[in-house]
Full PDB file with SEQRES, HELIX, SHEET, SSBOND, CRYST1, ORIGX, SCALE, CONECT and MASTER records, all heavy atoms in Angstrom:
SEQRES   1 A   38  ALA VAL ASP LEU ILE MET PRO ARG ASP PHE LYS THR THR          
SEQRES   2 A   38  LEU LEU PRO ALA ILE ARG GLU ARG GLY HIS ASP TRP THR          
SEQRES   3 A   38  ILE PHE TYR GLU VAL LYS ALA ASN LEU ARG ARG ALA              
HELIX    1 AA1 ARG A    8  LYS A   11  5                                   4    
HELIX    2 AA2 LEU A   14  GLU A   20  1                                   7    
CRYST1    1.000    1.000    1.000  90.00  90.00  90.00 P 1           1          
ORIGX1      1.000000  0.000000  0.000000        0.00000                         
ORIGX2      0.000000  1.000000  0.000000        0.00000                         
ORIGX3      0.000000  0.000000  1.000000        0.00000                         
SCALE1      1.000000  0.000000  0.000000        0.00000                         
SCALE2      0.000000  1.000000  0.000000        0.00000                         
SCALE3      0.000000  0.000000  1.000000        0.00000                         
ATOM      1  N   ALA A   1     -42.958  66.142  84.512  1.00  0.00           N  
ATOM      2  CA  ALA A   1     -41.875  67.008  84.985  1.00  0.00           C  
ATOM      3  C   ALA A   1     -40.650  66.157  85.302  1.00  0.00           C  
ATOM      4  O   ALA A   1     -40.733  65.213  86.084  1.00  0.00           O  
ATOM      5  CB  ALA A   1     -42.308  67.775  86.218  1.00  0.00           C  
ATOM      6  N   VAL A   2     -39.514  66.490  84.701  1.00  0.00           N  
ATOM      7  CA  VAL A   2     -38.271  65.786  85.005  1.00  0.00           C  
ATOM      8  C   VAL A   2     -37.516  66.486  86.137  1.00  0.00           C  
ATOM      9  O   VAL A   2     -36.419  66.066  86.497  1.00  0.00           O  
ATOM     10  CB  VAL A   2     -37.370  65.661  83.758  1.00  0.00           C  
ATOM     11  CG1 VAL A   2     -38.081  64.889  82.663  1.00  0.00           C  
ATOM     12  CG2 VAL A   2     -36.921  67.030  83.251  1.00  0.00           C  
ATOM     13  N   ASP A   3     -38.107  67.521  86.716  1.00  0.00           N  
ATOM     14  CA  ASP A   3     -37.502  68.201  87.865  1.00  0.00           C  
ATOM     15  C   ASP A   3     -37.283  67.195  88.995  1.00  0.00           C  
ATOM     16  O   ASP A   3     -38.096  66.289  89.208  1.00  0.00           O  
ATOM     17  CB  ASP A   3     -38.418  69.307  88.392  1.00  0.00           C  
ATOM     18  CG  ASP A   3     -38.778  70.341  87.337  1.00  0.00           C  
ATOM     19  OD1 ASP A   3     -38.851  69.978  86.156  1.00  0.00           O  
ATOM     20  OD2 ASP A   3     -38.998  71.498  87.707  1.00  0.00           O  
ATOM     21  N   LEU A   4     -36.224  67.388  89.750  1.00  0.00           N  
ATOM     22  CA  LEU A   4     -35.971  66.523  90.894  1.00  0.00           C  
ATOM     23  C   LEU A   4     -36.928  66.818  92.041  1.00  0.00           C  
ATOM     24  O   LEU A   4     -37.150  65.961  92.903  1.00  0.00           O  
ATOM     25  CB  LEU A   4     -34.525  66.683  91.360  1.00  0.00           C  
ATOM     26  CG  LEU A   4     -33.477  66.268  90.325  1.00  0.00           C  
ATOM     27  CD1 LEU A   4     -32.085  66.621  90.814  1.00  0.00           C  
ATOM     28  CD2 LEU A   4     -33.575  64.789  90.018  1.00  0.00           C  
ATOM     29  N   ILE A   5     -37.484  68.023  92.064  1.00  0.00           N  
ATOM     30  CA  ILE A   5     -38.458  68.407  93.073  1.00  0.00           C  
ATOM     31  C   ILE A   5     -39.207  69.623  92.546  1.00  0.00           C  
ATOM     32  O   ILE A   5     -38.646  70.447  91.832  1.00  0.00           O  
ATOM     33  CB  ILE A   5     -37.764  68.721  94.422  1.00  0.00           C  
ATOM     34  CG1 ILE A   5     -38.773  68.845  95.549  1.00  0.00           C  
ATOM     35  CG2 ILE A   5     -36.895  69.970  94.318  1.00  0.00           C  
ATOM     36  CD1 ILE A   5     -38.140  68.875  96.938  1.00  0.00           C  
ATOM     37  N   MET A   6     -40.488  69.703  92.870  1.00  0.00           N  
ATOM     38  CA  MET A   6     -41.271  70.846  92.389  1.00  0.00           C  
ATOM     39  C   MET A   6     -40.770  72.142  93.031  1.00  0.00           C  
ATOM     40  O   MET A   6     -40.607  72.212  94.256  1.00  0.00           O  
ATOM     41  CB  MET A   6     -42.753  70.657  92.724  1.00  0.00           C  
ATOM     42  CG  MET A   6     -43.617  71.848  92.313  1.00  0.00           C  
ATOM     43  SD  MET A   6     -45.340  71.681  92.819  1.00  0.00           S  
ATOM     44  CE  MET A   6     -45.915  70.489  91.618  1.00  0.00           C  
ATOM     45  N   PRO A   7     -40.516  73.175  92.233  1.00  0.00           N  
ATOM     46  CA  PRO A   7     -40.157  74.478  92.817  1.00  0.00           C  
ATOM     47  C   PRO A   7     -41.269  74.966  93.748  1.00  0.00           C  
ATOM     48  O   PRO A   7     -42.452  74.884  93.414  1.00  0.00           O  
ATOM     49  CB  PRO A   7     -40.015  75.385  91.592  1.00  0.00           C  
ATOM     50  CG  PRO A   7     -39.716  74.450  90.458  1.00  0.00           C  
ATOM     51  CD  PRO A   7     -40.478  73.197  90.758  1.00  0.00           C  
ATOM     52  N   ARG A   8     -40.885  75.490  94.896  1.00  0.00           N  
ATOM     53  CA  ARG A   8     -41.892  75.911  95.871  1.00  0.00           C  
ATOM     54  C   ARG A   8     -42.772  77.027  95.329  1.00  0.00           C  
ATOM     55  O   ARG A   8     -43.975  77.082  95.615  1.00  0.00           O  
ATOM     56  CB  ARG A   8     -41.194  76.338  97.165  1.00  0.00           C  
ATOM     57  CG  ARG A   8     -40.697  75.163  97.989  1.00  0.00           C  
ATOM     58  CD  ARG A   8     -39.848  75.589  99.161  1.00  0.00           C  
ATOM     59  NE  ARG A   8     -38.541  76.090  98.724  1.00  0.00           N  
ATOM     60  CZ  ARG A   8     -37.534  76.339  99.550  1.00  0.00           C  
ATOM     61  NH1 ARG A   8     -37.691  76.146 100.848  1.00  0.00           N  
ATOM     62  NH2 ARG A   8     -36.380  76.781  99.103  1.00  0.00           N  
ATOM     63  N   ASP A   9     -42.202  77.929  94.538  1.00  0.00           N  
ATOM     64  CA  ASP A   9     -43.001  79.061  94.066  1.00  0.00           C  
ATOM     65  C   ASP A   9     -43.993  78.661  92.983  1.00  0.00           C  
ATOM     66  O   ASP A   9     -44.912  79.421  92.688  1.00  0.00           O  
ATOM     67  CB  ASP A   9     -42.089  80.190  93.562  1.00  0.00           C  
ATOM     68  CG  ASP A   9     -41.344  79.798  92.301  1.00  0.00           C  
ATOM     69  OD1 ASP A   9     -40.691  78.746  92.299  1.00  0.00           O  
ATOM     70  OD2 ASP A   9     -41.407  80.564  91.322  1.00  0.00           O  
ATOM     71  N   PHE A  10     -43.843  77.474  92.375  1.00  0.00           N  
ATOM     72  CA  PHE A  10     -44.795  77.052  91.352  1.00  0.00           C  
ATOM     73  C   PHE A  10     -46.199  76.889  91.929  1.00  0.00           C  
ATOM     74  O   PHE A  10     -47.190  76.957  91.202  1.00  0.00           O  
ATOM     75  CB  PHE A  10     -44.335  75.737  90.715  1.00  0.00           C  
ATOM     76  CG  PHE A  10     -43.352  75.928  89.578  1.00  0.00           C  
ATOM     77  CD1 PHE A  10     -42.675  77.121  89.408  1.00  0.00           C  
ATOM     78  CD2 PHE A  10     -43.106  74.897  88.675  1.00  0.00           C  
ATOM     79  CE1 PHE A  10     -41.770  77.298  88.372  1.00  0.00           C  
ATOM     80  CE2 PHE A  10     -42.204  75.062  87.632  1.00  0.00           C  
ATOM     81  CZ  PHE A  10     -41.539  76.264  87.475  1.00  0.00           C  
ATOM     82  N   LYS A  11     -46.296  76.652  93.246  1.00  0.00           N  
ATOM     83  CA  LYS A  11     -47.618  76.510  93.864  1.00  0.00           C  
ATOM     84  C   LYS A  11     -48.409  77.810  93.802  1.00  0.00           C  
ATOM     85  O   LYS A  11     -49.644  77.794  93.830  1.00  0.00           O  
ATOM     86  CB  LYS A  11     -47.472  76.069  95.324  1.00  0.00           C  
ATOM     87  CG  LYS A  11     -46.761  74.741  95.502  1.00  0.00           C  
ATOM     88  CD  LYS A  11     -46.432  74.507  96.977  1.00  0.00           C  
ATOM     89  CE  LYS A  11     -45.402  73.421  97.138  1.00  0.00           C  
ATOM     90  NZ  LYS A  11     -44.888  73.334  98.526  1.00  0.00           N  
ATOM     91  N   THR A  12     -47.698  78.924  93.709  1.00  0.00           N  
ATOM     92  CA  THR A  12     -48.375  80.227  93.668  1.00  0.00           C  
ATOM     93  C   THR A  12     -48.213  80.935  92.328  1.00  0.00           C  
ATOM     94  O   THR A  12     -48.740  82.039  92.156  1.00  0.00           O  
ATOM     95  CB  THR A  12     -47.826  81.152  94.778  1.00  0.00           C  
ATOM     96  OG1 THR A  12     -46.409  81.293  94.628  1.00  0.00           O  
ATOM     97  CG2 THR A  12     -48.145  80.575  96.156  1.00  0.00           C  
ATOM     98  N   THR A  13     -47.504  80.318  91.389  1.00  0.00           N  
ATOM     99  CA  THR A  13     -47.291  80.950  90.080  1.00  0.00           C  
ATOM    100  C   THR A  13     -47.784  80.042  88.955  1.00  0.00           C  
ATOM    101  O   THR A  13     -48.865  80.256  88.401  1.00  0.00           O  
ATOM    102  CB  THR A  13     -45.791  81.268  89.886  1.00  0.00           C  
ATOM    103  OG1 THR A  13     -45.009  80.066  90.069  1.00  0.00           O  
ATOM    104  CG2 THR A  13     -45.329  82.323  90.867  1.00  0.00           C  
ATOM    105  N   LEU A  14     -47.036  79.012  88.619  1.00  0.00           N  
ATOM    106  CA  LEU A  14     -47.366  78.171  87.477  1.00  0.00           C  
ATOM    107  C   LEU A  14     -48.701  77.461  87.646  1.00  0.00           C  
ATOM    108  O   LEU A  14     -49.559  77.497  86.746  1.00  0.00           O  
ATOM    109  CB  LEU A  14     -46.253  77.136  87.252  1.00  0.00           C  
ATOM    110  CG  LEU A  14     -46.524  76.112  86.139  1.00  0.00           C  
ATOM    111  CD1 LEU A  14     -46.599  76.802  84.787  1.00  0.00           C  
ATOM    112  CD2 LEU A  14     -45.458  75.025  86.132  1.00  0.00           C  
ATOM    113  N   LEU A  15     -48.903  76.795  88.783  1.00  0.00           N  
ATOM    114  CA  LEU A  15     -50.111  75.983  88.939  1.00  0.00           C  
ATOM    115  C   LEU A  15     -51.390  76.817  88.928  1.00  0.00           C  
ATOM    116  O   LEU A  15     -52.354  76.459  88.232  1.00  0.00           O  
ATOM    117  CB  LEU A  15     -50.011  75.141  90.206  1.00  0.00           C  
ATOM    118  CG  LEU A  15     -48.855  74.127  90.219  1.00  0.00           C  
ATOM    119  CD1 LEU A  15     -48.893  73.290  91.489  1.00  0.00           C  
ATOM    120  CD2 LEU A  15     -48.895  73.228  88.996  1.00  0.00           C  
ATOM    121  N   PRO A  16     -51.457  77.944  89.640  1.00  0.00           N  
ATOM    122  CA  PRO A  16     -52.668  78.774  89.519  1.00  0.00           C  
ATOM    123  C   PRO A  16     -52.906  79.278  88.094  1.00  0.00           C  
ATOM    124  O   PRO A  16     -54.057  79.371  87.651  1.00  0.00           O  
ATOM    125  CB  PRO A  16     -52.395  79.935  90.481  1.00  0.00           C  
ATOM    126  CG  PRO A  16     -51.428  79.383  91.481  1.00  0.00           C  
ATOM    127  CD  PRO A  16     -50.565  78.453  90.700  1.00  0.00           C  
ATOM    128  N   ALA A  17     -51.813  79.577  87.375  1.00  0.00           N  
ATOM    129  CA  ALA A  17     -51.976  80.048  85.989  1.00  0.00           C  
ATOM    130  C   ALA A  17     -52.566  78.959  85.106  1.00  0.00           C  
ATOM    131  O   ALA A  17     -53.406  79.235  84.238  1.00  0.00           O  
ATOM    132  CB  ALA A  17     -50.622  80.510  85.447  1.00  0.00           C  
ATOM    133  N   ILE A  18     -52.133  77.720  85.300  1.00  0.00           N  
ATOM    134  CA  ILE A  18     -52.708  76.605  84.543  1.00  0.00           C  
ATOM    135  C   ILE A  18     -54.200  76.491  84.816  1.00  0.00           C  
ATOM    136  O   ILE A  18     -55.020  76.328  83.902  1.00  0.00           O  
ATOM    137  CB  ILE A  18     -51.985  75.289  84.906  1.00  0.00           C  
ATOM    138  CG1 ILE A  18     -50.539  75.316  84.401  1.00  0.00           C  
ATOM    139  CG2 ILE A  18     -52.727  74.086  84.334  1.00  0.00           C  
ATOM    140  CD1 ILE A  18     -49.691  74.143  84.878  1.00  0.00           C  
ATOM    141  N   ARG A  19     -54.553  76.598  86.094  1.00  0.00           N  
ATOM    142  CA  ARG A  19     -55.965  76.487  86.476  1.00  0.00           C  
ATOM    143  C   ARG A  19     -56.778  77.648  85.926  1.00  0.00           C  
ATOM    144  O   ARG A  19     -57.883  77.454  85.387  1.00  0.00           O  
ATOM    145  CB  ARG A  19     -56.062  76.441  88.002  1.00  0.00           C  
ATOM    146  CG  ARG A  19     -57.470  76.245  88.536  1.00  0.00           C  
ATOM    147  CD  ARG A  19     -57.462  76.013  90.036  1.00  0.00           C  
ATOM    148  NE  ARG A  19     -56.964  77.175  90.777  1.00  0.00           N  
ATOM    149  CZ  ARG A  19     -55.789  77.235  91.388  1.00  0.00           C  
ATOM    150  NH1 ARG A  19     -54.968  76.202  91.346  1.00  0.00           N  
ATOM    151  NH2 ARG A  19     -55.415  78.333  92.052  1.00  0.00           N  
ATOM    152  N   GLU A  20     -56.243  78.858  86.014  1.00  0.00           N  
ATOM    153  CA  GLU A  20     -56.984  80.032  85.559  1.00  0.00           C  
ATOM    154  C   GLU A  20     -57.213  80.017  84.054  1.00  0.00           C  
ATOM    155  O   GLU A  20     -58.220  80.544  83.566  1.00  0.00           O  
ATOM    156  CB  GLU A  20     -56.231  81.296  85.971  1.00  0.00           C  
ATOM    157  CG  GLU A  20     -56.256  81.556  87.476  1.00  0.00           C  
ATOM    158  CD  GLU A  20     -55.216  82.565  87.920  1.00  0.00           C  
ATOM    159  OE1 GLU A  20     -54.559  83.150  87.022  1.00  0.00           O  
ATOM    160  OE2 GLU A  20     -55.046  82.770  89.138  1.00  0.00           O  
ATOM    161  N   ARG A  21     -56.283  79.408  83.315  1.00  0.00           N  
ATOM    162  CA  ARG A  21     -56.440  79.350  81.852  1.00  0.00           C  
ATOM    163  C   ARG A  21     -57.337  78.199  81.419  1.00  0.00           C  
ATOM    164  O   ARG A  21     -57.583  78.013  80.226  1.00  0.00           O  
ATOM    165  CB  ARG A  21     -55.077  79.221  81.188  1.00  0.00           C  
ATOM    166  CG  ARG A  21     -54.245  80.495  81.300  1.00  0.00           C  
ATOM    167  CD  ARG A  21     -52.858  80.288  80.722  1.00  0.00           C  
ATOM    168  NE  ARG A  21     -52.032  81.487  80.862  1.00  0.00           N  
ATOM    169  CZ  ARG A  21     -51.560  82.193  79.845  1.00  0.00           C  
ATOM    170  NH1 ARG A  21     -51.848  81.843  78.608  1.00  0.00           N  
ATOM    171  NH2 ARG A  21     -50.809  83.252  80.059  1.00  0.00           N  
ATOM    172  N   GLY A  22     -57.797  77.401  82.370  1.00  0.00           N  
ATOM    173  CA  GLY A  22     -58.763  76.354  82.065  1.00  0.00           C  
ATOM    174  C   GLY A  22     -58.191  75.140  81.358  1.00  0.00           C  
ATOM    175  O   GLY A  22     -58.928  74.412  80.680  1.00  0.00           O  
ATOM    176  N   HIS A  23     -56.907  74.885  81.514  1.00  0.00           N  
ATOM    177  CA  HIS A  23     -56.304  73.740  80.834  1.00  0.00           C  
ATOM    178  C   HIS A  23     -56.720  72.430  81.496  1.00  0.00           C  
ATOM    179  O   HIS A  23     -56.704  72.309  82.722  1.00  0.00           O  
ATOM    180  CB  HIS A  23     -54.782  73.841  80.862  1.00  0.00           C  
ATOM    181  CG  HIS A  23     -54.240  74.961  80.028  1.00  0.00           C  
ATOM    182  ND1 HIS A  23     -54.524  75.091  78.686  1.00  0.00           N  
ATOM    183  CD2 HIS A  23     -53.429  76.015  80.348  1.00  0.00           C  
ATOM    184  CE1 HIS A  23     -53.906  76.172  78.209  1.00  0.00           C  
ATOM    185  NE2 HIS A  23     -53.246  76.754  79.198  1.00  0.00           N  
ATOM    186  N   ASP A  24     -57.071  71.465  80.683  1.00  0.00           N  
ATOM    187  CA  ASP A  24     -57.419  70.127  81.172  1.00  0.00           C  
ATOM    188  C   ASP A  24     -56.212  69.219  80.956  1.00  0.00           C  
ATOM    189  O   ASP A  24     -56.173  68.400  80.034  1.00  0.00           O  
ATOM    190  CB  ASP A  24     -58.646  69.602  80.422  1.00  0.00           C  
ATOM    191  CG  ASP A  24     -59.115  68.262  80.959  1.00  0.00           C  
ATOM    192  OD1 ASP A  24     -58.715  67.902  82.089  1.00  0.00           O  
ATOM    193  OD2 ASP A  24     -59.857  67.561  80.248  1.00  0.00           O  
ATOM    194  N   TRP A  25     -55.223  69.362  81.796  1.00  0.00           N  
ATOM    195  CA  TRP A  25     -53.968  68.639  81.646  1.00  0.00           C  
ATOM    196  C   TRP A  25     -53.814  67.593  82.740  1.00  0.00           C  
ATOM    197  O   TRP A  25     -54.430  67.678  83.810  1.00  0.00           O  
ATOM    198  CB  TRP A  25     -52.780  69.606  81.744  1.00  0.00           C  
ATOM    199  CG  TRP A  25     -52.652  70.560  80.600  1.00  0.00           C  
ATOM    200  CD1 TRP A  25     -53.316  70.503  79.405  1.00  0.00           C  
ATOM    201  CD2 TRP A  25     -51.827  71.731  80.542  1.00  0.00           C  
ATOM    202  NE1 TRP A  25     -52.944  71.559  78.604  1.00  0.00           N  
ATOM    203  CE2 TRP A  25     -52.022  72.329  79.278  1.00  0.00           C  
ATOM    204  CE3 TRP A  25     -50.930  72.323  81.423  1.00  0.00           C  
ATOM    205  CZ2 TRP A  25     -51.358  73.483  78.878  1.00  0.00           C  
ATOM    206  CZ3 TRP A  25     -50.265  73.475  81.049  1.00  0.00           C  
ATOM    207  CH2 TRP A  25     -50.476  74.049  79.782  1.00  0.00           C  
ATOM    208  N   THR A  26     -52.965  66.614  82.474  1.00  0.00           N  
ATOM    209  CA  THR A  26     -52.530  65.644  83.476  1.00  0.00           C  
ATOM    210  C   THR A  26     -51.027  65.795  83.625  1.00  0.00           C  
ATOM    211  O   THR A  26     -50.289  65.697  82.642  1.00  0.00           O  
ATOM    212  CB  THR A  26     -52.874  64.208  83.056  1.00  0.00           C  
ATOM    213  OG1 THR A  26     -54.288  64.099  82.857  1.00  0.00           O  
ATOM    214  CG2 THR A  26     -52.419  63.209  84.112  1.00  0.00           C  
ATOM    215  N   ILE A  27     -50.575  66.035  84.859  1.00  0.00           N  
ATOM    216  CA  ILE A  27     -49.175  66.383  85.104  1.00  0.00           C  
ATOM    217  C   ILE A  27     -48.606  65.469  86.185  1.00  0.00           C  
ATOM    218  O   ILE A  27     -49.279  65.158  87.175  1.00  0.00           O  
ATOM    219  CB  ILE A  27     -49.039  67.851  85.542  1.00  0.00           C  
ATOM    220  CG1 ILE A  27     -49.624  68.788  84.468  1.00  0.00           C  
ATOM    221  CG2 ILE A  27     -47.580  68.218  85.825  1.00  0.00           C  
ATOM    222  CD1 ILE A  27     -49.720  70.240  84.903  1.00  0.00           C  
ATOM    223  N   PHE A  28     -47.363  65.034  85.976  1.00  0.00           N  
ATOM    224  CA  PHE A  28     -46.596  64.329  87.005  1.00  0.00           C  
ATOM    225  C   PHE A  28     -45.553  65.269  87.587  1.00  0.00           C  
ATOM    226  O   PHE A  28     -44.911  66.024  86.866  1.00  0.00           O  
ATOM    227  CB  PHE A  28     -45.876  63.113  86.424  1.00  0.00           C  
ATOM    228  CG  PHE A  28     -44.804  62.569  87.353  1.00  0.00           C  
ATOM    229  CD1 PHE A  28     -45.127  61.675  88.348  1.00  0.00           C  
ATOM    230  CD2 PHE A  28     -43.478  62.982  87.232  1.00  0.00           C  
ATOM    231  CE1 PHE A  28     -44.155  61.193  89.222  1.00  0.00           C  
ATOM    232  CE2 PHE A  28     -42.495  62.501  88.092  1.00  0.00           C  
ATOM    233  CZ  PHE A  28     -42.833  61.610  89.095  1.00  0.00           C  
ATOM    234  N   TYR A  29     -45.366  65.181  88.916  1.00  0.00           N  
ATOM    235  CA  TYR A  29     -44.313  65.959  89.557  1.00  0.00           C  
ATOM    236  C   TYR A  29     -43.749  65.189  90.754  1.00  0.00           C  
ATOM    237  O   TYR A  29     -44.478  64.463  91.431  1.00  0.00           O  
ATOM    238  CB  TYR A  29     -44.832  67.315  90.048  1.00  0.00           C  
ATOM    239  CG  TYR A  29     -44.132  68.492  89.404  1.00  0.00           C  
ATOM    240  CD1 TYR A  29     -44.808  69.383  88.585  1.00  0.00           C  
ATOM    241  CD2 TYR A  29     -42.771  68.705  89.611  1.00  0.00           C  
ATOM    242  CE1 TYR A  29     -44.161  70.462  87.990  1.00  0.00           C  
ATOM    243  CE2 TYR A  29     -42.110  69.781  89.019  1.00  0.00           C  
ATOM    244  CZ  TYR A  29     -42.804  70.647  88.206  1.00  0.00           C  
ATOM    245  OH  TYR A  29     -42.159  71.706  87.620  1.00  0.00           O  
ATOM    246  N   GLU A  30     -42.450  65.345  90.981  1.00  0.00           N  
ATOM    247  CA  GLU A  30     -41.846  64.904  92.230  1.00  0.00           C  
ATOM    248  C   GLU A  30     -42.011  66.017  93.251  1.00  0.00           C  
ATOM    249  O   GLU A  30     -41.763  67.188  92.949  1.00  0.00           O  
ATOM    250  CB  GLU A  30     -40.366  64.570  92.046  1.00  0.00           C  
ATOM    251  CG  GLU A  30     -40.122  63.324  91.219  1.00  0.00           C  
ATOM    252  CD  GLU A  30     -38.684  62.847  91.319  1.00  0.00           C  
ATOM    253  OE1 GLU A  30     -38.148  62.803  92.450  1.00  0.00           O  
ATOM    254  OE2 GLU A  30     -38.108  62.531  90.270  1.00  0.00           O  
ATOM    255  N   VAL A  31     -42.430  65.638  94.458  1.00  0.00           N  
ATOM    256  CA  VAL A  31     -42.697  66.628  95.491  1.00  0.00           C  
ATOM    257  C   VAL A  31     -42.109  66.141  96.818  1.00  0.00           C  
ATOM    258  O   VAL A  31     -41.726  64.982  96.956  1.00  0.00           O  
ATOM    259  CB  VAL A  31     -44.221  66.863  95.667  1.00  0.00           C  
ATOM    260  CG1 VAL A  31     -44.845  67.395  94.389  1.00  0.00           C  
ATOM    261  CG2 VAL A  31     -44.922  65.572  96.110  1.00  0.00           C  
ATOM    262  N   LYS A  32     -42.065  67.034  97.780  1.00  0.00           N  
ATOM    263  CA  LYS A  32     -41.712  66.652  99.146  1.00  0.00           C  
ATOM    264  C   LYS A  32     -43.002  66.282  99.870  1.00  0.00           C  
ATOM    265  O   LYS A  32     -44.043  66.898  99.660  1.00  0.00           O  
ATOM    266  CB  LYS A  32     -40.988  67.802  99.839  1.00  0.00           C  
ATOM    267  CG  LYS A  32     -40.312  67.401 101.142  1.00  0.00           C  
ATOM    268  CD  LYS A  32     -39.343  68.479 101.591  1.00  0.00           C  
ATOM    269  CE  LYS A  32     -38.811  68.212 102.992  1.00  0.00           C  
ATOM    270  NZ  LYS A  32     -38.154  66.910 103.107  1.00  0.00           N  
ATOM    271  N   ALA A  33     -42.935  65.292 100.747  1.00  0.00           N  
ATOM    272  CA  ALA A  33     -44.148  64.711 101.318  1.00  0.00           C  
ATOM    273  C   ALA A  33     -44.798  65.565 102.396  1.00  0.00           C  
ATOM    274  O   ALA A  33     -45.870  65.209 102.889  1.00  0.00           O  
ATOM    275  CB  ALA A  33     -43.833  63.325 101.885  1.00  0.00           C  
ATOM    276  N   ASN A  34     -44.218  66.684 102.771  1.00  0.00           N  
ATOM    277  CA  ASN A  34     -44.780  67.495 103.852  1.00  0.00           C  
ATOM    278  C   ASN A  34     -45.758  68.548 103.346  1.00  0.00           C  
ATOM    279  O   ASN A  34     -45.922  69.602 103.965  1.00  0.00           O  
ATOM    280  CB  ASN A  34     -43.663  68.155 104.663  1.00  0.00           C  
ATOM    281  CG  ASN A  34     -42.792  69.081 103.819  1.00  0.00           C  
ATOM    282  OD1 ASN A  34     -42.933  69.137 102.596  1.00  0.00           O  
ATOM    283  ND2 ASN A  34     -41.888  69.802 104.466  1.00  0.00           N  
ATOM    284  N   LEU A  35     -46.417  68.275 102.243  1.00  0.00           N  
ATOM    285  CA  LEU A  35     -47.391  69.220 101.698  1.00  0.00           C  
ATOM    286  C   LEU A  35     -48.606  69.334 102.612  1.00  0.00           C  
ATOM    287  O   LEU A  35     -49.049  68.360 103.223  1.00  0.00           O  
ATOM    288  CB  LEU A  35     -47.845  68.763 100.306  1.00  0.00           C  
ATOM    289  CG  LEU A  35     -46.794  68.824  99.196  1.00  0.00           C  
ATOM    290  CD1 LEU A  35     -47.305  68.127  97.952  1.00  0.00           C  
ATOM    291  CD2 LEU A  35     -46.420  70.269  98.887  1.00  0.00           C  
ATOM    292  N   ARG A  36     -49.180  70.536 102.659  1.00  0.00           N  
ATOM    293  CA  ARG A  36     -50.419  70.748 103.392  1.00  0.00           C  
ATOM    294  C   ARG A  36     -51.604  70.404 102.487  1.00  0.00           C  
ATOM    295  O   ARG A  36     -51.486  70.354 101.270  1.00  0.00           O  
ATOM    296  CB  ARG A  36     -50.507  72.193 103.870  1.00  0.00           C  
ATOM    297  CG  ARG A  36     -49.405  72.570 104.856  1.00  0.00           C  
ATOM    298  CD  ARG A  36     -49.642  73.963 105.438  1.00  0.00           C  
ATOM    299  NE  ARG A  36     -49.535  74.990 104.405  1.00  0.00           N  
ATOM    300  CZ  ARG A  36     -48.394  75.587 104.063  1.00  0.00           C  
ATOM    301  NH1 ARG A  36     -47.267  75.260 104.645  1.00  0.00           N  
ATOM    302  NH2 ARG A  36     -48.391  76.522 103.135  1.00  0.00           N  
ATOM    303  N   ARG A  37     -52.759  70.179 103.117  1.00  0.00           N  
ATOM    304  CA  ARG A  37     -53.944  69.811 102.329  1.00  0.00           C  
ATOM    305  C   ARG A  37     -54.263  70.868 101.280  1.00  0.00           C  
ATOM    306  O   ARG A  37     -54.566  70.530 100.124  1.00  0.00           O  
ATOM    307  CB  ARG A  37     -55.156  69.589 103.239  1.00  0.00           C  
ATOM    308  CG  ARG A  37     -56.434  69.310 102.444  1.00  0.00           C  
ATOM    309  CD  ARG A  37     -57.642  69.201 103.339  1.00  0.00           C  
ATOM    310  NE  ARG A  37     -57.826  67.871 103.873  1.00  0.00           N  
ATOM    311  CZ  ARG A  37     -58.406  66.865 103.212  1.00  0.00           C  
ATOM    312  NH1 ARG A  37     -58.831  67.056 101.975  1.00  0.00           N  
ATOM    313  NH2 ARG A  37     -58.566  65.697 103.767  1.00  0.00           N  
ATOM    314  N   ALA A  38     -54.204  72.137 101.654  1.00  0.00           N  
ATOM    315  CA  ALA A  38     -54.533  73.196 100.698  1.00  0.00           C  
ATOM    316  C   ALA A  38     -53.590  73.171  99.501  1.00  0.00           C  
ATOM    317  O   ALA A  38     -54.004  73.449  98.367  1.00  0.00           O  
ATOM    318  CB  ALA A  38     -54.483  74.555 101.386  1.00  0.00           C  
TER     319      ALA A  38                                                      
MASTER        0    0    0    2    0    0    0    6  318    1    0    3          
END                                                                             
């Protein structure tokens, strides 16, 4: 990902969709460090 920061809504939209479709991908993303464990 060349995004400067991961969109907040991707945690509930894009990422679950990737998981639900069973993709075995490796992804890089820039994030903010205050992420929760979940």
